[in-house]
Amino acid sequence: LATGVSSALQLNALNWLLDKILTIGL
């Protein structure tokens, strides 16, 4: 949910960090 919200609000730094967390999470 945080990844989706950060993407919609164009919070690029936060979105990049969450995206990396999801990648590691897989």
mmCIF file of all heavy atoms, coordinates in Angstrom:
data_MODEL
# 
_entry.id   MODEL 
# 
loop_
_atom_site.group_PDB 
_atom_site.id 
_atom_site.type_symbol 
_atom_site.label_atom_id 
_atom_site.label_alt_id 
_atom_site.label_comp_id 
_atom_site.label_asym_id 
_atom_site.label_entity_id 
_atom_site.label_seq_id 
_atom_site.pdbx_PDB_ins_code 
_atom_site.Cartn_x 
_atom_site.Cartn_y 
_atom_site.Cartn_z 
_atom_site.occupancy 
_atom_site.B_iso_or_equiv 
_atom_site.pdbx_formal_charge 
_atom_site.auth_seq_id 
_atom_site.auth_comp_id 
_atom_site.auth_asym_id 
_atom_site.auth_atom_id 
_atom_site.pdbx_PDB_model_num 
ATOM 1   N N   . LEU A 1 1  ? 0.829  -1.205  0.000   1.00 0.00 ? 1  LEU A N   1 
ATOM 2   C CA  . LEU A 1 1  ? 0.000  0.000   0.000   1.00 0.00 ? 1  LEU A CA  1 
ATOM 3   C C   . LEU A 1 1  ? 0.867  1.260   0.000   1.00 0.00 ? 1  LEU A C   1 
ATOM 4   O O   . LEU A 1 1  ? 0.572  2.230   -0.712  1.00 0.00 ? 1  LEU A O   1 
ATOM 5   C CB  . LEU A 1 1  ? -0.934 -0.006  1.217   1.00 0.00 ? 1  LEU A CB  1 
ATOM 6   C CG  . LEU A 1 1  ? -2.051 -1.055  1.209   1.00 0.00 ? 1  LEU A CG  1 
ATOM 7   C CD1 . LEU A 1 1  ? -2.816 -1.028  2.529   1.00 0.00 ? 1  LEU A CD1 1 
ATOM 8   C CD2 . LEU A 1 1  ? -3.001 -0.832  0.038   1.00 0.00 ? 1  LEU A CD2 1 
ATOM 9   N N   . ALA A 1 2  ? 1.929  1.244   0.814   1.00 0.00 ? 2  ALA A N   1 
ATOM 10  C CA  . ALA A 1 2  ? 2.825  2.401   0.871   1.00 0.00 ? 2  ALA A CA  1 
ATOM 11  C C   . ALA A 1 2  ? 3.504  2.627   -0.471  1.00 0.00 ? 2  ALA A C   1 
ATOM 12  O O   . ALA A 1 2  ? 3.709  3.770   -0.894  1.00 0.00 ? 2  ALA A O   1 
ATOM 13  C CB  . ALA A 1 2  ? 3.866  2.196   1.970   1.00 0.00 ? 2  ALA A CB  1 
ATOM 14  N N   . THR A 1 3  ? 3.846  1.539   -1.165  1.00 0.00 ? 3  THR A N   1 
ATOM 15  C CA  . THR A 1 3  ? 4.467  1.664   -2.484  1.00 0.00 ? 3  THR A CA  1 
ATOM 16  C C   . THR A 1 3  ? 3.506  2.315   -3.477  1.00 0.00 ? 3  THR A C   1 
ATOM 17  O O   . THR A 1 3  ? 3.888  3.199   -4.260  1.00 0.00 ? 3  THR A O   1 
ATOM 18  C CB  . THR A 1 3  ? 4.893  0.278   -3.005  1.00 0.00 ? 3  THR A CB  1 
ATOM 19  O OG1 . THR A 1 3  ? 5.799  -0.326  -2.074  1.00 0.00 ? 3  THR A OG1 1 
ATOM 20  C CG2 . THR A 1 3  ? 5.575  0.402   -4.363  1.00 0.00 ? 3  THR A CG2 1 
ATOM 21  N N   . GLY A 1 4  ? 2.238  1.886   -3.446  1.00 0.00 ? 4  GLY A N   1 
ATOM 22  C CA  . GLY A 1 4  ? 1.241  2.468   -4.336  1.00 0.00 ? 4  GLY A CA  1 
ATOM 23  C C   . GLY A 1 4  ? 1.002  3.943   -4.066  1.00 0.00 ? 4  GLY A C   1 
ATOM 24  O O   . GLY A 1 4  ? 0.913  4.752   -4.994  1.00 0.00 ? 4  GLY A O   1 
ATOM 25  N N   . VAL A 1 5  ? 0.925  4.308   -2.782  1.00 0.00 ? 5  VAL A N   1 
ATOM 26  C CA  . VAL A 1 5  ? 0.686  5.704   -2.410  1.00 0.00 ? 5  VAL A CA  1 
ATOM 27  C C   . VAL A 1 5  ? 1.878  6.572   -2.802  1.00 0.00 ? 5  VAL A C   1 
ATOM 28  O O   . VAL A 1 5  ? 1.711  7.677   -3.343  1.00 0.00 ? 5  VAL A O   1 
ATOM 29  C CB  . VAL A 1 5  ? 0.411  5.814   -0.891  1.00 0.00 ? 5  VAL A CB  1 
ATOM 30  C CG1 . VAL A 1 5  ? 0.371  7.275   -0.464  1.00 0.00 ? 5  VAL A CG1 1 
ATOM 31  C CG2 . VAL A 1 5  ? -0.901 5.130   -0.536  1.00 0.00 ? 5  VAL A CG2 1 
ATOM 32  N N   . SER A 1 6  ? 3.098  6.088   -2.539  1.00 0.00 ? 6  SER A N   1 
ATOM 33  C CA  . SER A 1 6  ? 4.285  6.872   -2.881  1.00 0.00 ? 6  SER A CA  1 
ATOM 34  C C   . SER A 1 6  ? 4.404  7.059   -4.388  1.00 0.00 ? 6  SER A C   1 
ATOM 35  O O   . SER A 1 6  ? 4.865  8.108   -4.852  1.00 0.00 ? 6  SER A O   1 
ATOM 36  C CB  . SER A 1 6  ? 5.539  6.194   -2.331  1.00 0.00 ? 6  SER A CB  1 
ATOM 37  O OG  . SER A 1 6  ? 5.734  4.921   -2.939  1.00 0.00 ? 6  SER A OG  1 
ATOM 38  N N   . SER A 1 7  ? 3.974  6.069   -5.155  1.00 0.00 ? 7  SER A N   1 
ATOM 39  C CA  . SER A 1 7  ? 4.012  6.193   -6.616  1.00 0.00 ? 7  SER A CA  1 
ATOM 40  C C   . SER A 1 7  ? 2.984  7.213   -7.099  1.00 0.00 ? 7  SER A C   1 
ATOM 41  O O   . SER A 1 7  ? 3.269  8.034   -7.976  1.00 0.00 ? 7  SER A O   1 
ATOM 42  C CB  . SER A 1 7  ? 3.757  4.833   -7.263  1.00 0.00 ? 7  SER A CB  1 
ATOM 43  O OG  . SER A 1 7  ? 3.723  4.924   -8.671  1.00 0.00 ? 7  SER A OG  1 
ATOM 44  N N   . ALA A 1 8  ? 1.778  7.172   -6.505  1.00 0.00 ? 8  ALA A N   1 
ATOM 45  C CA  . ALA A 1 8  ? 0.725  8.098   -6.909  1.00 0.00 ? 8  ALA A CA  1 
ATOM 46  C C   . ALA A 1 8  ? 1.085  9.539   -6.555  1.00 0.00 ? 8  ALA A C   1 
ATOM 47  O O   . ALA A 1 8  ? 0.763  10.473  -7.301  1.00 0.00 ? 8  ALA A O   1 
ATOM 48  C CB  . ALA A 1 8  ? -0.590 7.702   -6.243  1.00 0.00 ? 8  ALA A CB  1 
ATOM 49  N N   . LEU A 1 9  ? 1.770  9.724   -5.419  1.00 0.00 ? 9  LEU A N   1 
ATOM 50  C CA  . LEU A 1 9  ? 2.152  11.068  -4.982  1.00 0.00 ? 9  LEU A CA  1 
ATOM 51  C C   . LEU A 1 9  ? 3.508  11.495  -5.531  1.00 0.00 ? 9  LEU A C   1 
ATOM 52  O O   . LEU A 1 9  ? 3.998  12.576  -5.203  1.00 0.00 ? 9  LEU A O   1 
ATOM 53  C CB  . LEU A 1 9  ? 2.170  11.128  -3.450  1.00 0.00 ? 9  LEU A CB  1 
ATOM 54  C CG  . LEU A 1 9  ? 0.824  10.870  -2.752  1.00 0.00 ? 9  LEU A CG  1 
ATOM 55  C CD1 . LEU A 1 9  ? 0.995  10.910  -1.246  1.00 0.00 ? 9  LEU A CD1 1 
ATOM 56  C CD2 . LEU A 1 9  ? -0.217 11.889  -3.187  1.00 0.00 ? 9  LEU A CD2 1 
ATOM 57  N N   . GLN A 1 10 ? 4.106  10.614  -6.337  1.00 0.00 ? 10 GLN A N   1 
ATOM 58  C CA  . GLN A 1 10 ? 5.411  10.891  -6.949  1.00 0.00 ? 10 GLN A CA  1 
ATOM 59  C C   . GLN A 1 10 ? 6.498  11.185  -5.916  1.00 0.00 ? 10 GLN A C   1 
ATOM 60  O O   . GLN A 1 10 ? 7.323  12.088  -6.073  1.00 0.00 ? 10 GLN A O   1 
ATOM 61  C CB  . GLN A 1 10 ? 5.303  12.052  -7.953  1.00 0.00 ? 10 GLN A CB  1 
ATOM 62  C CG  . GLN A 1 10 ? 4.377  11.748  -9.133  1.00 0.00 ? 10 GLN A CG  1 
ATOM 63  C CD  . GLN A 1 10 ? 4.335  12.857  -10.161 1.00 0.00 ? 10 GLN A CD  1 
ATOM 64  O OE1 . GLN A 1 10 ? 4.844  13.949  -9.930  1.00 0.00 ? 10 GLN A OE1 1 
ATOM 65  N NE2 . GLN A 1 10 ? 3.742  12.582  -11.313 1.00 0.00 ? 10 GLN A NE2 1 
ATOM 66  N N   . LEU A 1 11 ? 6.485  10.394  -4.853  1.00 0.00 ? 11 LEU A N   1 
ATOM 67  C CA  . LEU A 1 11 ? 7.547  10.467  -3.846  1.00 0.00 ? 11 LEU A CA  1 
ATOM 68  C C   . LEU A 1 11 ? 8.647  9.511   -4.299  1.00 0.00 ? 11 LEU A C   1 
ATOM 69  O O   . LEU A 1 11 ? 8.725  8.359   -3.878  1.00 0.00 ? 11 LEU A O   1 
ATOM 70  C CB  . LEU A 1 11 ? 7.011  10.096  -2.466  1.00 0.00 ? 11 LEU A CB  1 
ATOM 71  C CG  . LEU A 1 11 ? 5.825  10.920  -1.961  1.00 0.00 ? 11 LEU A CG  1 
ATOM 72  C CD1 . LEU A 1 11 ? 5.315  10.377  -0.630  1.00 0.00 ? 11 LEU A CD1 1 
ATOM 73  C CD2 . LEU A 1 11 ? 6.232  12.390  -1.820  1.00 0.00 ? 11 LEU A CD2 1 
ATOM 74  N N   . ASN A 1 12 ? 9.489  9.988   -5.185  1.00 0.00 ? 12 ASN A N   1 
ATOM 75  C CA  . ASN A 1 12 ? 10.407 9.114   -5.908  1.00 0.00 ? 12 ASN A CA  1 
ATOM 76  C C   . ASN A 1 12 ? 11.409 8.394   -4.996  1.00 0.00 ? 12 ASN A C   1 
ATOM 77  O O   . ASN A 1 12 ? 11.679 7.204   -5.187  1.00 0.00 ? 12 ASN A O   1 
ATOM 78  C CB  . ASN A 1 12 ? 11.173 9.929   -6.958  1.00 0.00 ? 12 ASN A CB  1 
ATOM 79  C CG  . ASN A 1 12 ? 10.234 10.492  -8.019  1.00 0.00 ? 12 ASN A CG  1 
ATOM 80  O OD1 . ASN A 1 12 ? 9.231  9.871   -8.354  1.00 0.00 ? 12 ASN A OD1 1 
ATOM 81  N ND2 . ASN A 1 12 ? 10.542 11.674  -8.535  1.00 0.00 ? 12 ASN A ND2 1 
ATOM 82  N N   . ALA A 1 13 ? 11.973 9.102   -4.040  1.00 0.00 ? 13 ALA A N   1 
ATOM 83  C CA  . ALA A 1 13 ? 12.970 8.490   -3.155  1.00 0.00 ? 13 ALA A CA  1 
ATOM 84  C C   . ALA A 1 13 ? 12.337 7.372   -2.331  1.00 0.00 ? 13 ALA A C   1 
ATOM 85  O O   . ALA A 1 13 ? 12.887 6.264   -2.228  1.00 0.00 ? 13 ALA A O   1 
ATOM 86  C CB  . ALA A 1 13 ? 13.588 9.538   -2.241  1.00 0.00 ? 13 ALA A CB  1 
ATOM 87  N N   . LEU A 1 14 ? 11.169 7.662   -1.741  1.00 0.00 ? 14 LEU A N   1 
ATOM 88  C CA  . LEU A 1 14 ? 10.480 6.659   -0.938  1.00 0.00 ? 14 LEU A CA  1 
ATOM 89  C C   . LEU A 1 14 ? 10.030 5.485   -1.800  1.00 0.00 ? 14 LEU A C   1 
ATOM 90  O O   . LEU A 1 14 ? 10.142 4.322   -1.399  1.00 0.00 ? 14 LEU A O   1 
ATOM 91  C CB  . LEU A 1 14 ? 9.274  7.291   -0.235  1.00 0.00 ? 14 LEU A CB  1 
ATOM 92  C CG  . LEU A 1 14 ? 8.425  6.355   0.629   1.00 0.00 ? 14 LEU A CG  1 
ATOM 93  C CD1 . LEU A 1 14 ? 9.267  5.743   1.740   1.00 0.00 ? 14 LEU A CD1 1 
ATOM 94  C CD2 . LEU A 1 14 ? 7.229  7.097   1.224   1.00 0.00 ? 14 LEU A CD2 1 
ATOM 95  N N   . ASN A 1 15 ? 9.527  5.784   -2.990  1.00 0.00 ? 15 ASN A N   1 
ATOM 96  C CA  . ASN A 1 15 ? 9.072  4.725   -3.889  1.00 0.00 ? 15 ASN A CA  1 
ATOM 97  C C   . ASN A 1 15 ? 10.240 3.821   -4.305  1.00 0.00 ? 15 ASN A C   1 
ATOM 98  O O   . ASN A 1 15 ? 10.097 2.596   -4.382  1.00 0.00 ? 15 ASN A O   1 
ATOM 99  C CB  . ASN A 1 15 ? 8.418  5.344   -5.127  1.00 0.00 ? 15 ASN A CB  1 
ATOM 100 C CG  . ASN A 1 15 ? 7.847  4.295   -6.062  1.00 0.00 ? 15 ASN A CG  1 
ATOM 101 O OD1 . ASN A 1 15 ? 8.430  3.979   -7.101  1.00 0.00 ? 15 ASN A OD1 1 
ATOM 102 N ND2 . ASN A 1 15 ? 6.694  3.760   -5.696  1.00 0.00 ? 15 ASN A ND2 1 
ATOM 103 N N   . TRP A 1 16 ? 11.407 4.418   -4.548  1.00 0.00 ? 16 TRP A N   1 
ATOM 104 C CA  . TRP A 1 16 ? 12.586 3.623   -4.908  1.00 0.00 ? 16 TRP A CA  1 
ATOM 105 C C   . TRP A 1 16 ? 12.981 2.695   -3.764  1.00 0.00 ? 16 TRP A C   1 
ATOM 106 O O   . TRP A 1 16 ? 13.283 1.515   -3.976  1.00 0.00 ? 16 TRP A O   1 
ATOM 107 C CB  . TRP A 1 16 ? 13.744 4.557   -5.251  1.00 0.00 ? 16 TRP A CB  1 
ATOM 108 C CG  . TRP A 1 16 ? 15.032 3.833   -5.543  1.00 0.00 ? 16 TRP A CG  1 
ATOM 109 C CD1 . TRP A 1 16 ? 15.446 3.312   -6.731  1.00 0.00 ? 16 TRP A CD1 1 
ATOM 110 C CD2 . TRP A 1 16 ? 16.070 3.546   -4.593  1.00 0.00 ? 16 TRP A CD2 1 
ATOM 111 N NE1 . TRP A 1 16 ? 16.664 2.721   -6.599  1.00 0.00 ? 16 TRP A NE1 1 
ATOM 112 C CE2 . TRP A 1 16 ? 17.082 2.839   -5.297  1.00 0.00 ? 16 TRP A CE2 1 
ATOM 113 C CE3 . TRP A 1 16 ? 16.243 3.815   -3.237  1.00 0.00 ? 16 TRP A CE3 1 
ATOM 114 C CZ2 . TRP A 1 16 ? 18.243 2.400   -4.668  1.00 0.00 ? 16 TRP A CZ2 1 
ATOM 115 C CZ3 . TRP A 1 16 ? 17.401 3.374   -2.620  1.00 0.00 ? 16 TRP A CZ3 1 
ATOM 116 C CH2 . TRP A 1 16 ? 18.386 2.683   -3.323  1.00 0.00 ? 16 TRP A CH2 1 
ATOM 117 N N   . LEU A 1 17 ? 12.964 3.223   -2.534  1.00 0.00 ? 17 LEU A N   1 
ATOM 118 C CA  . LEU A 1 17 ? 13.337 2.431   -1.367  1.00 0.00 ? 17 LEU A CA  1 
ATOM 119 C C   . LEU A 1 17 ? 12.374 1.265   -1.162  1.00 0.00 ? 17 LEU A C   1 
ATOM 120 O O   . LEU A 1 17 ? 12.793 0.114   -0.946  1.00 0.00 ? 17 LEU A O   1 
ATOM 121 C CB  . LEU A 1 17 ? 13.364 3.322   -0.126  1.00 0.00 ? 17 LEU A CB  1 
ATOM 122 C CG  . LEU A 1 17 ? 13.704 2.622   1.206   1.00 0.00 ? 17 LEU A CG  1 
ATOM 123 C CD1 . LEU A 1 17 ? 15.101 2.009   1.130   1.00 0.00 ? 17 LEU A CD1 1 
ATOM 124 C CD2 . LEU A 1 17 ? 13.601 3.602   2.359   1.00 0.00 ? 17 LEU A CD2 1 
ATOM 125 N N   . LEU A 1 18 ? 11.064 1.541   -1.250  1.00 0.00 ? 18 LEU A N   1 
ATOM 126 C CA  . LEU A 1 18 ? 10.068 0.482   -1.064  1.00 0.00 ? 18 LEU A CA  1 
ATOM 127 C C   . LEU A 1 18 ? 10.148 -0.556  -2.171  1.00 0.00 ? 18 LEU A C   1 
ATOM 128 O O   . LEU A 1 18 ? 9.943  -1.758  -1.936  1.00 0.00 ? 18 LEU A O   1 
ATOM 129 C CB  . LEU A 1 18 ? 8.664  1.095   -1.007  1.00 0.00 ? 18 LEU A CB  1 
ATOM 130 C CG  . LEU A 1 18 ? 8.371  1.977   0.201   1.00 0.00 ? 18 LEU A CG  1 
ATOM 131 C CD1 . LEU A 1 18 ? 7.009  2.652   0.055   1.00 0.00 ? 18 LEU A CD1 1 
ATOM 132 C CD2 . LEU A 1 18 ? 8.395  1.150   1.489   1.00 0.00 ? 18 LEU A CD2 1 
ATOM 133 N N   . ASP A 1 19 ? 10.434 -0.094  -3.372  1.00 0.00 ? 19 ASP A N   1 
ATOM 134 C CA  . ASP A 1 19 ? 10.570 -1.026  -4.493  1.00 0.00 ? 19 ASP A CA  1 
ATOM 135 C C   . ASP A 1 19 ? 11.737 -1.982  -4.269  1.00 0.00 ? 19 ASP A C   1 
ATOM 136 O O   . ASP A 1 19 ? 11.635 -3.184  -4.566  1.00 0.00 ? 19 ASP A O   1 
ATOM 137 C CB  . ASP A 1 19 ? 10.772 -0.236  -5.789  1.00 0.00 ? 19 ASP A CB  1 
ATOM 138 C CG  . ASP A 1 19 ? 10.826 -1.155  -7.002  1.00 0.00 ? 19 ASP A CG  1 
ATOM 139 O OD1 . ASP A 1 19 ? 9.805  -1.801  -7.297  1.00 0.00 ? 19 ASP A OD1 1 
ATOM 140 O OD2 . ASP A 1 19 ? 11.888 -1.215  -7.656  1.00 0.00 ? 19 ASP A OD2 1 
ATOM 141 N N   . LYS A 1 20 ? 12.833 -1.487  -3.736  1.00 0.00 ? 20 LYS A N   1 
ATOM 142 C CA  . LYS A 1 20 ? 13.981 -2.345  -3.452  1.00 0.00 ? 20 LYS A CA  1 
ATOM 143 C C   . LYS A 1 20 ? 13.650 -3.329  -2.325  1.00 0.00 ? 20 LYS A C   1 
ATOM 144 O O   . LYS A 1 20 ? 14.078 -4.492  -2.353  1.00 0.00 ? 20 LYS A O   1 
ATOM 145 C CB  . LYS A 1 20 ? 15.197 -1.502  -3.064  1.00 0.00 ? 20 LYS A CB  1 
ATOM 146 C CG  . LYS A 1 20 ? 15.702 -0.583  -4.174  1.00 0.00 ? 20 LYS A CG  1 
ATOM 147 C CD  . LYS A 1 20 ? 16.061 -1.373  -5.423  1.00 0.00 ? 20 LYS A CD  1 
ATOM 148 C CE  . LYS A 1 20 ? 16.537 -0.447  -6.531  1.00 0.00 ? 20 LYS A CE  1 
ATOM 149 N NZ  . LYS A 1 20 ? 16.814 -1.198  -7.789  1.00 0.00 ? 20 LYS A NZ  1 
ATOM 150 N N   . ILE A 1 21 ? 12.880 -2.858  -1.327  1.00 0.00 ? 21 ILE A N   1 
ATOM 151 C CA  . ILE A 1 21 ? 12.479 -3.743  -0.228  1.00 0.00 ? 21 ILE A CA  1 
ATOM 152 C C   . ILE A 1 21 ? 11.627 -4.883  -0.753  1.00 0.00 ? 21 ILE A C   1 
ATOM 153 O O   . ILE A 1 21 ? 11.781 -6.046  -0.351  1.00 0.00 ? 21 ILE A O   1 
ATOM 154 C CB  . ILE A 1 21 ? 11.728 -2.937  0.848   1.00 0.00 ? 21 ILE A CB  1 
ATOM 155 C CG1 . ILE A 1 21 ? 12.695 -1.972  1.561   1.00 0.00 ? 21 ILE A CG1 1 
ATOM 156 C CG2 . ILE A 1 21 ? 11.071 -3.872  1.868   1.00 0.00 ? 21 ILE A CG2 1 
ATOM 157 C CD1 . ILE A 1 21 ? 12.013 -1.056  2.561   1.00 0.00 ? 21 ILE A CD1 1 
ATOM 158 N N   . LEU A 1 22 ? 10.702 -4.575  -1.668  1.00 0.00 ? 22 LEU A N   1 
ATOM 159 C CA  . LEU A 1 22 ? 9.851  -5.610  -2.255  1.00 0.00 ? 22 LEU A CA  1 
ATOM 160 C C   . LEU A 1 22 ? 10.668 -6.605  -3.069  1.00 0.00 ? 22 LEU A C   1 
ATOM 161 O O   . LEU A 1 22 ? 10.395 -7.815  -3.045  1.00 0.00 ? 22 LEU A O   1 
ATOM 162 C CB  . LEU A 1 22 ? 8.776  -4.966  -3.137  1.00 0.00 ? 22 LEU A CB  1 
ATOM 163 C CG  . LEU A 1 22 ? 7.636  -4.253  -2.415  1.00 0.00 ? 22 LEU A CG  1 
ATOM 164 C CD1 . LEU A 1 22 ? 6.717  -3.561  -3.410  1.00 0.00 ? 22 LEU A CD1 1 
ATOM 165 C CD2 . LEU A 1 22 ? 6.837  -5.246  -1.565  1.00 0.00 ? 22 LEU A CD2 1 
ATOM 166 N N   . THR A 1 23 ? 11.669 -6.103  -3.777  1.00 0.00 ? 23 THR A N   1 
ATOM 167 C CA  . THR A 1 23 ? 12.516 -6.992  -4.575  1.00 0.00 ? 23 THR A CA  1 
ATOM 168 C C   . THR A 1 23 ? 13.264 -7.977  -3.683  1.00 0.00 ? 23 THR A C   1 
ATOM 169 O O   . THR A 1 23 ? 13.324 -9.179  -3.961  1.00 0.00 ? 23 THR A O   1 
ATOM 170 C CB  . THR A 1 23 ? 13.530 -6.169  -5.396  1.00 0.00 ? 23 THR A CB  1 
ATOM 171 O OG1 . THR A 1 23 ? 12.830 -5.261  -6.244  1.00 0.00 ? 23 THR A OG1 1 
ATOM 172 C CG2 . THR A 1 23 ? 14.400 -7.090  -6.243  1.00 0.00 ? 23 THR A CG2 1 
ATOM 173 N N   . ILE A 1 24 ? 13.825 -7.447  -2.588  1.00 0.00 ? 24 ILE A N   1 
ATOM 174 C CA  . ILE A 1 24 ? 14.522 -8.317  -1.642  1.00 0.00 ? 24 ILE A CA  1 
ATOM 175 C C   . ILE A 1 24 ? 13.534 -9.263  -0.979  1.00 0.00 ? 24 ILE A C   1 
ATOM 176 O O   . ILE A 1 24 ? 13.833 -10.434 -0.727  1.00 0.00 ? 24 ILE A O   1 
ATOM 177 C CB  . ILE A 1 24 ? 15.258 -7.468  -0.578  1.00 0.00 ? 24 ILE A CB  1 
ATOM 178 C CG1 . ILE A 1 24 ? 16.333 -6.612  -1.248  1.00 0.00 ? 24 ILE A CG1 1 
ATOM 179 C CG2 . ILE A 1 24 ? 15.873 -8.354  0.499   1.00 0.00 ? 24 ILE A CG2 1 
ATOM 180 C CD1 . ILE A 1 24 ? 17.001 -5.616  -0.322  1.00 0.00 ? 24 ILE A CD1 1 
ATOM 181 N N   . GLY A 1 25 ? 12.311 -8.748  -0.714  1.00 0.00 ? 25 GLY A N   1 
ATOM 182 C CA  . GLY A 1 25 ? 11.290 -9.563  -0.063  1.00 0.00 ? 25 GLY A CA  1 
ATOM 183 C C   . GLY A 1 25 ? 10.894 -10.790 -0.858  1.00 0.00 ? 25 GLY A C   1 
ATOM 184 O O   . GLY A 1 25 ? 10.543 -11.830 -0.290  1.00 0.00 ? 25 GLY A O   1 
ATOM 185 N N   . LEU A 1 26 ? 10.945 -10.694 -2.191  1.00 0.00 ? 26 LEU A N   1 
ATOM 186 C CA  . LEU A 1 26 ? 10.599 -11.837 -3.035  1.00 0.00 ? 26 LEU A CA  1 
ATOM 187 C C   . LEU A 1 26 ? 11.525 -13.018 -2.778  1.00 0.00 ? 26 LEU A C   1 
ATOM 188 O O   . LEU A 1 26 ? 11.111 -14.179 -2.843  1.00 0.00 ? 26 LEU A O   1 
ATOM 189 C CB  . LEU A 1 26 ? 10.651 -11.441 -4.513  1.00 0.00 ? 26 LEU A CB  1 
ATOM 190 C CG  . LEU A 1 26 ? 9.561  -10.480 -4.994  1.00 0.00 ? 26 LEU A CG  1 
ATOM 191 C CD1 . LEU A 1 26 ? 9.795  -10.105 -6.454  1.00 0.00 ? 26 LEU A CD1 1 
ATOM 192 C CD2 . LEU A 1 26 ? 8.179  -11.104 -4.821  1.00 0.00 ? 26 LEU A CD2 1 
# 
